[in-house]
């Protein structure tokens, strides 16, 4: 394996010692990209990345761990003077006039931006096959899904096309593809990473997520891009939360909540991966508590009602009159223009969720569906806060089964969705850790989660487990 497959910590060490140059690191990523274009991970590979790396070659290496590290960005995050298509025909030629806050913060660390990554259209989907510009393929097995919606982000890291990637996570959209492709995917506490400049799908669920080769690498990126932003009123500093913790946590005496009813619904391979993590934590002295939520049977219903309802509102701005696709309006009523633009520009999965959302938000249905979903989410938030007061700020969750074949059954999809949406509905952080191999030698994962604000605690525990499991 080349230097493009090393962790950020290892790459940074080589850069600091001047054993490699930024241009060498980028060249390895370019070479990997040229050899694996069929994966369709990038919608656009930035040729000027090589020029930026050459500029940094002549500079003294900096202490910041992201200095000269090549990363890539999901194409629903704004980058100034670059296209931002959200993998949709309706925005095929849209060029962003500004940078998202997370891009500004990464630029302050002098990372090298390699390009725009493919994903399911408007981050809606779990396969990686709903992009208007072709599907992304899984580098571990091209006959299986890479997972979505952040498919390009996971594939780029797994195939050595970038050292880390930003994605977005609305219901598992970073963690599922990370698991399918054998890398690490993180969803932060809602609001700790600003969403200014990020195209909205379901605003109360959406988070910017991070994918990398180990939890410590994710932590480097998280520290750089997290924190309150005046451009995002939903953003908060991690320290504002009850369970904020940026210190290394000992596994001895760690109080861990376990949600057994979620585990019971999972594939045996996922249960086995969960048990491996459970056994390691127990051997290190962790304490466990089985927790009932009383709403496990309706978590998926709650997620889809919330997500579709908010999507129908968020995506209403794409109408052909303001930006994006613009059809000839001559002789058309405004209603006809909207209808033709949205029918031509949106894929069928996006259209389906908009229609569902309109149904849930209709006056006669609002109380029965959307209002009820909000009350269930409040119940989950209250339960998480109660656990935190009891000292259970860490959760051990089932993860995802091995990557599904393209003709996967609905039952497999159901279990993946169920364990993915939990953290988004609660608003808590979650980290997917690929662990054992399934029947076909592909990764199976478990998840670490925790109370709101425990992001760095989760990543710290994840790094400890990563190192222990790596030795075994």
Protein backbone atom coordinates (compact mmCIF):
# COMPACT_ATOMS: atom_id res chain seq x y z
CA UNK A 1 0.00 0.00 0.00
CA UNK A 2 1.20 3.50 -0.82
CA UNK A 3 1.36 6.59 1.35
CA UNK A 4 -2.13 7.55 0.15
CA UNK A 5 -3.48 4.65 2.25
CA UNK A 6 -1.76 5.74 5.47
CA UNK A 7 -3.65 7.47 8.26
CA UNK A 8 -3.53 11.26 8.54
CA UNK A 9 -1.37 10.88 11.65
CA UNK A 10 1.16 8.82 9.70
CA UNK A 11 1.10 11.14 6.69
CA UNK A 12 1.53 14.20 8.91
CA UNK A 13 4.52 12.59 10.61
CA UNK A 14 6.22 11.96 7.26
CA UNK A 15 5.48 15.52 6.10
CA UNK A 16 6.88 17.02 9.31
CA UNK A 17 10.08 14.98 8.97
CA UNK A 18 10.28 16.01 5.30
CA UNK A 19 10.43 12.36 4.30
CA UNK A 20 7.69 13.08 1.77
CA UNK A 21 6.43 16.23 0.08
CA UNK A 22 2.81 17.39 -0.32
CA UNK A 23 3.13 16.89 -4.08
CA UNK A 24 4.09 13.23 -3.57
CA UNK A 25 1.02 12.67 -1.42
CA UNK A 26 -1.27 14.29 -3.97
CA UNK A 27 0.41 12.43 -6.84
CA UNK A 28 -0.40 9.11 -5.17
CA UNK A 29 -4.06 10.14 -4.93
CA UNK A 30 -4.06 11.27 -8.57
CA UNK A 31 -2.54 7.97 -9.65
CA UNK A 32 -5.18 6.02 -7.71
CA UNK A 33 -7.91 8.19 -9.23
CA UNK A 34 -6.64 7.60 -12.78
CA UNK A 35 -6.57 3.84 -12.17
CA UNK A 36 -10.07 3.67 -10.71
CA UNK A 37 -12.22 6.15 -12.63
CA UNK A 38 -14.80 3.39 -13.08
CA UNK A 39 -15.66 3.75 -9.38
CA UNK A 40 -17.19 7.14 -10.24
CA UNK A 41 -16.34 8.51 -6.79
CA UNK A 42 -15.58 12.02 -8.10
CA UNK A 43 -17.89 14.23 -10.08
CA UNK A 44 -14.94 16.55 -10.61
CA UNK A 45 -11.27 16.05 -9.74
CA UNK A 46 -9.59 19.41 -9.23
CA UNK A 47 -6.53 19.63 -11.46
CA UNK A 48 -5.29 22.67 -9.54
CA UNK A 49 -4.76 20.43 -6.48
CA UNK A 50 -1.36 19.53 -7.93
CA UNK A 51 -0.47 23.23 -8.22
CA UNK A 52 -1.51 23.83 -4.61
CA UNK A 53 0.61 20.89 -3.47
CA UNK A 54 3.60 22.26 -5.39
CA UNK A 55 3.18 25.60 -3.57
CA UNK A 56 3.21 23.84 -0.21
CA UNK A 57 6.34 21.91 -1.20
CA UNK A 58 8.29 25.13 -0.82
CA UNK A 59 6.92 25.93 2.65
CA UNK A 60 8.02 24.85 6.09
CA UNK A 61 5.73 22.02 7.28
CA UNK A 62 3.20 23.22 9.84
CA UNK A 63 2.22 21.60 13.13
CA UNK A 64 -1.46 21.37 12.24
CA UNK A 65 -2.25 17.72 11.44
CA UNK A 66 -4.31 18.69 8.37
CA UNK A 67 -1.57 20.79 6.78
CA UNK A 68 -1.09 19.58 3.16
CA UNK A 69 -3.39 16.61 3.73
CA UNK A 70 -5.54 15.81 0.65
CA UNK A 71 -9.28 15.72 1.33
CA UNK A 72 -12.39 15.68 -0.82
CA UNK A 73 -15.89 17.11 -0.43
CA UNK A 74 -19.38 15.75 -1.04
CA UNK A 75 -21.03 17.76 -3.81
CA UNK A 76 -23.79 19.20 -1.65
CA UNK A 77 -21.30 21.40 0.24
CA UNK A 78 -20.58 24.80 -1.32
CA UNK A 79 -17.12 25.64 -2.64
CA UNK A 80 -16.61 29.10 -4.11
CA UNK A 81 -16.40 29.26 -7.91
CA UNK A 82 -16.91 25.50 -8.15
CA UNK A 83 -19.94 23.64 -9.37
CA UNK A 84 -22.37 22.42 -6.72
CA UNK A 85 -24.81 20.03 -8.36
CA UNK A 86 -26.07 17.98 -5.39
CA UNK A 87 -25.76 15.12 -7.93
CA UNK A 88 -28.95 16.39 -9.60
CA UNK A 89 -29.75 17.54 -13.13
CA UNK A 90 -31.72 20.45 -11.69
CA UNK A 91 -28.42 22.00 -10.48
CA UNK A 92 -26.19 20.58 -13.21
CA UNK A 93 -24.64 23.95 -14.14
CA UNK A 94 -24.94 25.81 -10.83
CA UNK A 95 -21.68 27.41 -9.60
CA UNK A 96 -21.44 28.35 -5.94
CA UNK A 97 -20.68 32.03 -5.21
CA UNK A 98 -19.26 31.32 -1.74
CA UNK A 99 -17.62 28.74 0.51
CA UNK A 100 -19.45 26.78 3.17
CA UNK A 101 -18.18 27.45 6.69
CA UNK A 102 -16.59 24.00 6.91
CA UNK A 103 -14.62 24.69 3.73
CA UNK A 104 -13.34 27.99 5.11
CA UNK A 105 -12.20 26.24 8.26
CA UNK A 106 -10.41 23.49 6.34
CA UNK A 107 -8.72 26.11 4.17
CA UNK A 108 -7.46 27.79 7.34
CA UNK A 109 -5.69 24.51 8.11
CA UNK A 110 -4.22 24.54 4.55
CA UNK A 111 -5.60 21.19 3.47
CA UNK A 112 -5.51 20.30 -0.23
CA UNK A 113 -8.94 20.05 -1.84
CA UNK A 114 -9.01 17.23 -4.39
CA UNK A 115 -12.53 17.61 -5.71
CA UNK A 116 -16.31 17.14 -5.65
CA UNK A 117 -17.60 13.71 -4.66
CA UNK A 118 -20.56 11.78 -6.05
CA UNK A 119 -23.57 10.86 -3.92
CA UNK A 120 -27.27 10.04 -4.04
CA UNK A 121 -29.23 12.98 -5.44
CA UNK A 122 -29.75 15.67 -2.79
CA UNK A 123 -28.39 13.13 -0.25
CA UNK A 124 -31.60 11.11 -0.60
CA UNK A 125 -30.90 7.39 -0.74
CA UNK A 126 -28.84 4.64 0.87
CA UNK A 127 -27.35 2.89 -2.17
CA UNK A 128 -25.05 5.33 -3.99
CA UNK A 129 -27.01 4.55 -7.16
CA UNK A 130 -29.40 7.52 -7.16
CA UNK A 131 -26.97 10.10 -8.58
CA UNK A 132 -28.02 11.84 -11.80
CA UNK A 133 -24.42 11.37 -12.99
CA UNK A 134 -24.16 7.61 -12.62
CA UNK A 135 -23.74 5.22 -9.69
CA UNK A 136 -20.70 4.95 -7.45
CA UNK A 137 -19.17 1.47 -7.22
CA UNK A 138 -17.86 -0.29 -4.14
CA UNK A 139 -14.07 -0.78 -4.45
CA UNK A 140 -14.26 -3.95 -2.34
CA UNK A 141 -16.80 -5.59 -4.67
CA UNK A 142 -18.15 -3.79 -7.71
CA UNK A 143 -21.24 -6.04 -7.71
CA UNK A 144 -22.39 -4.59 -4.39
CA UNK A 145 -23.63 -1.19 -3.26
CA UNK A 146 -21.11 1.26 -1.80
CA UNK A 147 -23.87 2.60 0.46
CA UNK A 148 -25.27 6.09 0.51
CA UNK A 149 -25.93 8.80 0.41
CA UNK A 150 -22.24 9.72 0.92
CA UNK A 151 -21.07 7.00 -1.46
CA UNK A 152 -18.28 8.99 -3.13
CA UNK A 153 -16.92 10.07 0.25
CA UNK A 154 -16.57 6.48 1.49
CA UNK A 155 -15.18 5.17 -1.80
CA UNK A 156 -12.61 7.99 -2.02
CA UNK A 157 -11.17 7.14 1.39
CA UNK A 158 -11.35 3.37 0.93
CA UNK A 159 -9.67 3.43 -2.50
CA UNK A 160 -6.90 5.85 -1.53
CA UNK A 161 -8.35 8.70 -3.58
CA UNK A 162 -8.29 11.03 -0.54
CA UNK A 163 -7.04 10.91 3.04
CA UNK A 164 -10.38 12.04 4.42
CA UNK A 165 -13.70 13.17 3.07
CA UNK A 166 -16.65 15.25 4.18
CA UNK A 167 -20.13 13.88 3.68
CA UNK A 168 -23.53 14.55 5.16
CA UNK A 169 -25.53 12.29 7.46
CA UNK A 170 -29.32 12.53 7.70
CA UNK A 171 -30.15 8.94 8.64
CA UNK A 172 -26.85 7.05 8.48
CA UNK A 173 -25.60 8.56 5.22
CA UNK A 174 -21.94 8.67 6.31
CA UNK A 175 -21.87 5.63 8.58
CA UNK A 176 -23.56 3.15 6.21
CA UNK A 177 -21.22 3.74 3.21
CA UNK A 178 -18.22 3.87 5.55
CA UNK A 179 -19.17 0.44 6.86
CA UNK A 180 -19.84 -0.99 3.40
CA UNK A 181 -16.44 0.22 2.17
CA UNK A 182 -14.44 -0.65 5.29
CA UNK A 183 -13.58 2.81 6.62
CA UNK A 184 -14.72 4.89 9.61
CA UNK A 185 -17.71 7.22 9.41
CA UNK A 186 -18.82 9.79 11.97
CA UNK A 187 -22.03 11.73 12.53
CA UNK A 188 -21.58 14.54 15.10
CA UNK A 189 -24.00 15.91 17.65
CA UNK A 190 -26.59 17.98 15.80
CA UNK A 191 -25.32 21.55 15.56
CA UNK A 192 -21.67 21.04 16.55
CA UNK A 193 -20.54 21.28 12.90
CA UNK A 194 -22.08 24.29 11.11
CA UNK A 195 -24.29 23.69 8.08
CA UNK A 196 -23.97 27.10 6.44
CA UNK A 197 -23.37 26.42 2.74
CA UNK A 198 -24.67 22.84 2.94
CA UNK A 199 -27.69 22.03 0.78
CA UNK A 200 -30.57 21.01 3.02
CA UNK A 201 -32.45 17.75 2.77
CA UNK A 202 -34.09 17.47 6.22
CA UNK A 203 -32.75 20.41 8.28
CA UNK A 204 -33.58 19.04 11.73
CA UNK A 205 -31.74 15.79 10.95
CA UNK A 206 -28.90 16.88 8.64
CA UNK A 207 -25.31 16.99 9.88
CA UNK A 208 -21.97 17.32 8.12
CA UNK A 209 -20.14 14.02 8.63
CA UNK A 210 -16.51 12.92 8.41
CA UNK A 211 -15.01 9.76 6.87
CA UNK A 212 -11.41 8.63 7.40
CA UNK A 213 -9.20 5.62 8.07
CA UNK A 214 -9.33 5.72 11.87
CA UNK A 215 -11.21 7.60 14.63
CA UNK A 216 -8.20 9.77 15.47
CA UNK A 217 -8.11 11.06 11.89
CA UNK A 218 -11.79 11.96 12.19
CA UNK A 219 -11.03 13.79 15.43
CA UNK A 220 -8.39 15.93 13.70
CA UNK A 221 -10.96 17.05 11.13
CA UNK A 222 -13.71 17.43 13.73
CA UNK A 223 -11.63 19.77 15.87
CA UNK A 224 -10.94 21.96 12.87
CA UNK A 225 -14.49 22.32 11.54
CA UNK A 226 -16.67 22.14 14.67
CA UNK A 227 -17.87 25.09 16.75
CA UNK A 228 -20.49 27.80 16.67
CA UNK A 229 -20.98 29.80 13.48
CA UNK A 230 -22.84 33.11 13.27
CA UNK A 231 -24.13 32.06 9.84
CA UNK A 232 -25.91 29.00 11.28
CA UNK A 233 -28.34 29.69 14.09
CA UNK A 234 -28.64 25.97 14.87
CA UNK A 235 -24.91 25.66 15.56
CA UNK A 236 -23.43 25.39 19.06
CA UNK A 237 -20.02 24.95 20.60
CA UNK A 238 -19.52 21.35 21.77
CA UNK A 239 -18.65 22.66 25.25
CA UNK A 240 -22.20 23.94 25.68
CA UNK A 241 -23.56 20.43 26.05
CA UNK A 242 -23.99 18.58 29.31
CA UNK A 243 -21.70 15.73 28.28
CA UNK A 244 -19.03 17.74 26.51
CA UNK A 245 -15.73 15.92 27.00
CA UNK A 246 -12.50 16.36 25.06
CA UNK A 247 -10.30 14.34 27.41
CA UNK A 248 -9.15 10.78 26.89
CA UNK A 249 -11.65 8.50 28.59
CA UNK A 250 -10.66 5.38 30.46
CA UNK A 251 -12.57 2.25 29.51
CA UNK A 252 -12.36 1.03 33.12
CA UNK A 253 -15.58 1.98 34.85
CA UNK A 254 -17.05 3.44 31.65
CA UNK A 255 -20.85 3.36 31.83
CA UNK A 256 -22.30 2.09 28.57
CA UNK A 257 -25.97 1.94 27.57
CA UNK A 258 -27.07 -0.95 25.35
CA UNK A 259 -30.30 -0.92 23.31
CA UNK A 260 -31.08 -4.62 23.04
CA UNK A 261 -34.29 -4.29 21.06
CA UNK A 262 -32.38 -2.65 18.22
CA UNK A 263 -29.84 -5.48 18.29
CA UNK A 264 -32.55 -8.15 18.14
CA UNK A 265 -33.65 -6.85 14.73
CA UNK A 266 -30.18 -7.13 13.18
CA UNK A 267 -28.47 -9.77 11.06
CA UNK A 268 -26.49 -12.41 13.02
CA UNK A 269 -23.23 -11.07 11.58
CA UNK A 270 -24.00 -7.63 13.01
CA UNK A 271 -24.87 -9.20 16.36
CA UNK A 272 -21.50 -10.98 16.29
CA UNK A 273 -19.62 -7.74 15.58
CA UNK A 274 -21.55 -6.07 18.39
CA UNK A 275 -20.60 -8.90 20.75
CA UNK A 276 -16.91 -8.55 19.86
CA UNK A 277 -16.98 -4.88 20.82
CA UNK A 278 -19.02 -5.68 23.94
CA UNK A 279 -16.49 -8.29 25.05
CA UNK A 280 -13.54 -5.91 24.61
CA UNK A 281 -15.25 -3.16 26.60
CA UNK A 282 -16.24 -5.62 29.32
CA UNK A 283 -12.70 -7.01 29.57
CA UNK A 284 -11.44 -3.45 30.07
CA UNK A 285 -13.83 -2.89 32.98
CA UNK A 286 -16.79 -1.13 31.36
CA UNK A 287 -20.23 -1.32 33.00
CA UNK A 288 -23.38 -1.95 30.97
CA UNK A 289 -27.06 -1.14 31.27
CA UNK A 290 -29.80 -2.49 29.01
CA UNK A 291 -32.16 0.32 27.98
CA UNK A 292 -35.70 0.23 26.58
CA UNK A 293 -36.87 3.19 24.51
CA UNK A 294 -40.49 2.05 24.13
CA UNK A 295 -40.55 3.39 20.55
CA UNK A 296 -38.21 0.96 18.75
CA UNK A 297 -41.06 -0.33 16.59
CA UNK A 298 -41.79 3.10 15.13
CA UNK A 299 -38.31 4.62 14.79
CA UNK A 300 -38.27 4.15 11.02
CA UNK A 301 -41.77 5.58 10.65
CA UNK A 302 -40.71 8.59 12.69
CA UNK A 303 -37.62 9.11 10.54
CA UNK A 304 -39.37 8.89 7.18
CA UNK A 305 -42.24 11.14 8.22
CA UNK A 306 -39.76 13.76 9.47
CA UNK A 307 -37.31 13.51 6.59
CA UNK A 308 -39.89 13.48 3.79
CA UNK A 309 -41.87 16.33 5.33
CA UNK A 310 -38.80 18.53 5.63
CA UNK A 311 -37.52 17.53 2.18
CA UNK A 312 -40.78 18.65 0.57
CA UNK A 313 -40.21 22.08 2.09
CA UNK A 314 -36.42 22.32 1.57
CA UNK A 315 -36.55 21.28 -2.08
CA UNK A 316 -39.38 23.67 -2.96
CA UNK A 317 -36.76 26.35 -3.73
CA UNK A 318 -35.69 24.45 -6.87
CA UNK A 319 -38.43 25.72 -9.15
CA UNK A 320 -36.67 26.88 -12.32
CA UNK A 321 -37.37 30.53 -11.59
CA UNK A 322 -34.46 31.48 -9.33
CA UNK A 323 -31.42 29.26 -9.95
CA UNK A 324 -30.50 25.89 -11.34
CA UNK A 325 -32.35 24.41 -14.30
CA UNK A 326 -34.36 27.04 -16.18
CA UNK A 327 -36.71 25.94 -18.95
CA UNK A 328 -38.15 28.21 -21.61
CA UNK A 329 -41.01 29.97 -19.82
CA UNK A 330 -42.58 31.37 -22.98
CA UNK A 331 -46.29 30.62 -23.10
CA UNK A 332 -46.25 28.77 -19.77
CA UNK A 333 -48.02 29.58 -16.53
CA UNK A 334 -45.80 29.71 -13.45
CA UNK A 335 -47.41 26.51 -12.20
CA UNK A 336 -46.64 24.74 -15.48
CA UNK A 337 -43.04 26.00 -15.41
CA UNK A 338 -42.56 24.67 -11.87
CA UNK A 339 -44.05 21.30 -12.75
CA UNK A 340 -41.98 20.79 -15.89
CA UNK A 341 -38.76 21.93 -14.23
CA UNK A 342 -39.15 19.65 -11.23
CA UNK A 343 -40.28 16.69 -13.32
CA UNK A 344 -37.28 17.06 -15.65
CA UNK A 345 -34.74 17.98 -12.99
CA UNK A 346 -35.49 15.66 -10.08
CA UNK A 347 -34.95 11.92 -10.10
CA UNK A 348 -37.75 9.55 -9.17
CA UNK A 349 -36.58 8.93 -5.59
CA UNK A 350 -36.49 12.67 -4.84
CA UNK A 351 -39.92 13.12 -6.40
CA UNK A 352 -41.28 10.24 -4.34
CA UNK A 353 -40.12 11.74 -1.06
CA UNK A 354 -41.43 15.19 -1.95
CA UNK A 355 -44.86 13.71 -2.64
CA UNK A 356 -44.80 11.77 0.64
CA UNK A 357 -43.78 14.90 2.50
CA UNK A 358 -46.60 16.91 0.98
CA UNK A 359 -49.02 14.23 2.16
CA UNK A 360 -47.67 14.24 5.74
CA UNK A 361 -47.83 18.05 5.92
CA UNK A 362 -51.33 18.41 4.47
CA UNK A 363 -53.63 20.18 6.91
CA UNK A 364 -55.76 17.10 7.48
CA UNK A 365 -52.70 14.88 8.11
CA UNK A 366 -50.30 17.16 10.02
CA UNK A 367 -51.30 16.19 13.56
CA UNK A 368 -51.49 12.48 12.78
CA UNK A 369 -48.05 12.32 11.15
CA UNK A 370 -45.56 15.18 11.49
CA UNK A 371 -46.66 16.44 14.91
CA UNK A 372 -46.59 12.89 16.26
CA UNK A 373 -43.08 12.37 14.86
CA UNK A 374 -41.92 15.50 16.68
CA UNK A 375 -43.33 14.22 19.98
CA UNK A 376 -41.50 10.89 19.58
CA UNK A 377 -38.24 12.72 18.92
CA UNK A 378 -38.76 14.74 22.09
CA UNK A 379 -39.26 11.48 23.98
CA UNK A 380 -35.93 10.21 22.62
CA UNK A 381 -34.14 13.43 23.60
CA UNK A 382 -35.57 13.23 27.12
CA UNK A 383 -34.46 9.60 27.41
CA UNK A 384 -30.92 10.49 26.34
CA UNK A 385 -30.75 13.32 28.87
CA UNK A 386 -31.99 11.01 31.62
CA UNK A 387 -29.29 8.45 30.79
CA UNK A 388 -26.64 11.19 30.87
CA UNK A 389 -27.73 12.24 34.36
CA UNK A 390 -27.30 8.62 35.45
CA UNK A 391 -23.75 8.70 34.06
CA UNK A 392 -24.47 6.68 30.90
CA UNK A 393 -23.04 9.08 28.32
CA UNK A 394 -21.80 6.32 26.01
CA UNK A 395 -23.93 3.95 23.91
CA UNK A 396 -22.95 0.73 22.18
CA UNK A 397 -25.12 0.21 19.10
CA UNK A 398 -25.37 -2.43 16.38
CA UNK A 399 -23.88 -1.39 13.06
CA UNK A 400 -24.34 -2.51 9.49
CA UNK A 401 -24.14 -5.84 7.73
CA UNK A 402 -21.78 -6.43 4.80
CA UNK A 403 -22.42 -4.47 1.62
CA UNK A 404 -25.60 -5.58 -0.08
CA UNK A 405 -25.80 -6.91 -3.60
CA UNK A 406 -27.60 -4.65 -6.02
CA UNK A 407 -30.67 -6.89 -5.82
CA UNK A 408 -30.71 -6.87 -1.98
CA UNK A 409 -33.96 -7.68 -0.22
CA UNK A 410 -36.05 -5.06 1.54
CA UNK A 411 -35.47 -6.86 4.85
CA UNK A 412 -31.72 -6.16 4.67
CA UNK A 413 -32.39 -2.54 3.83
CA UNK A 414 -34.79 -2.25 6.78
CA UNK A 415 -32.24 -3.34 9.39
CA UNK A 416 -29.61 -0.94 8.00
CA UNK A 417 -32.04 1.96 8.07
CA UNK A 418 -33.19 1.14 11.60
CA UNK A 419 -29.74 1.30 13.19
CA UNK A 420 -28.79 4.31 11.08
CA UNK A 421 -31.64 6.68 11.95
CA UNK A 422 -31.39 6.26 15.73
CA UNK A 423 -28.63 8.84 16.24
CA UNK A 424 -30.18 11.41 13.88
CA UNK A 425 -33.56 11.27 15.60
CA UNK A 426 -31.87 11.69 18.98
CA UNK A 427 -29.45 14.35 17.73
CA UNK A 428 -26.49 12.49 19.24
CA UNK A 429 -23.05 11.59 17.82
CA UNK A 430 -22.40 8.16 16.28
CA UNK A 431 -19.31 6.44 14.90
CA UNK A 432 -19.39 3.36 12.64
CA UNK A 433 -16.41 1.04 13.11
CA UNK A 434 -15.87 -1.74 10.54
CA UNK A 435 -14.82 -4.85 12.35
CA UNK A 436 -15.42 -8.45 11.39
CA UNK A 437 -15.81 -9.95 7.97
CA UNK A 438 -19.14 -11.27 6.77
CA UNK A 439 -19.78 -14.42 4.80
CA UNK A 440 -18.18 -12.90 1.70
CA UNK A 441 -15.13 -11.39 3.41
CA UNK A 442 -16.63 -7.90 3.51
CA UNK A 443 -16.72 -5.60 6.57
CA UNK A 444 -19.43 -5.73 9.22
CA UNK A 445 -19.61 -2.92 11.75
CA UNK A 446 -20.75 -1.85 15.16
CA UNK A 447 -21.44 1.71 16.31
CA UNK A 448 -20.41 3.87 19.25
CA UNK A 449 -22.73 6.66 20.22
CA UNK A 450 -23.39 8.84 23.24
CA UNK A 451 -25.16 11.78 24.77
CA UNK A 452 -25.31 15.13 23.00
CA UNK A 453 -21.94 16.84 23.12
CA UNK A 454 -19.96 13.65 23.75
CA UNK A 455 -18.44 13.72 20.25
CA UNK A 456 -14.80 13.63 21.25
CA UNK A 457 -15.51 11.11 23.99
CA UNK A 458 -17.03 8.82 21.34
CA UNK A 459 -14.05 9.35 19.03
CA UNK A 460 -11.58 8.78 21.87
CA UNK A 461 -13.24 5.52 22.89
CA UNK A 462 -13.42 4.56 19.22
CA UNK A 463 -9.67 5.09 18.82
CA UNK A 464 -8.95 2.91 21.85
CA UNK A 465 -11.13 0.14 20.46
CA UNK A 466 -9.54 0.60 17.02
CA UNK A 467 -6.06 0.04 18.47
CA UNK A 468 -7.10 -2.93 20.64
CA UNK A 469 -9.02 -4.67 17.85
CA UNK A 470 -6.20 -3.98 15.39
CA UNK A 471 -3.85 -6.04 17.59
CA UNK A 472 -6.26 -8.96 17.93
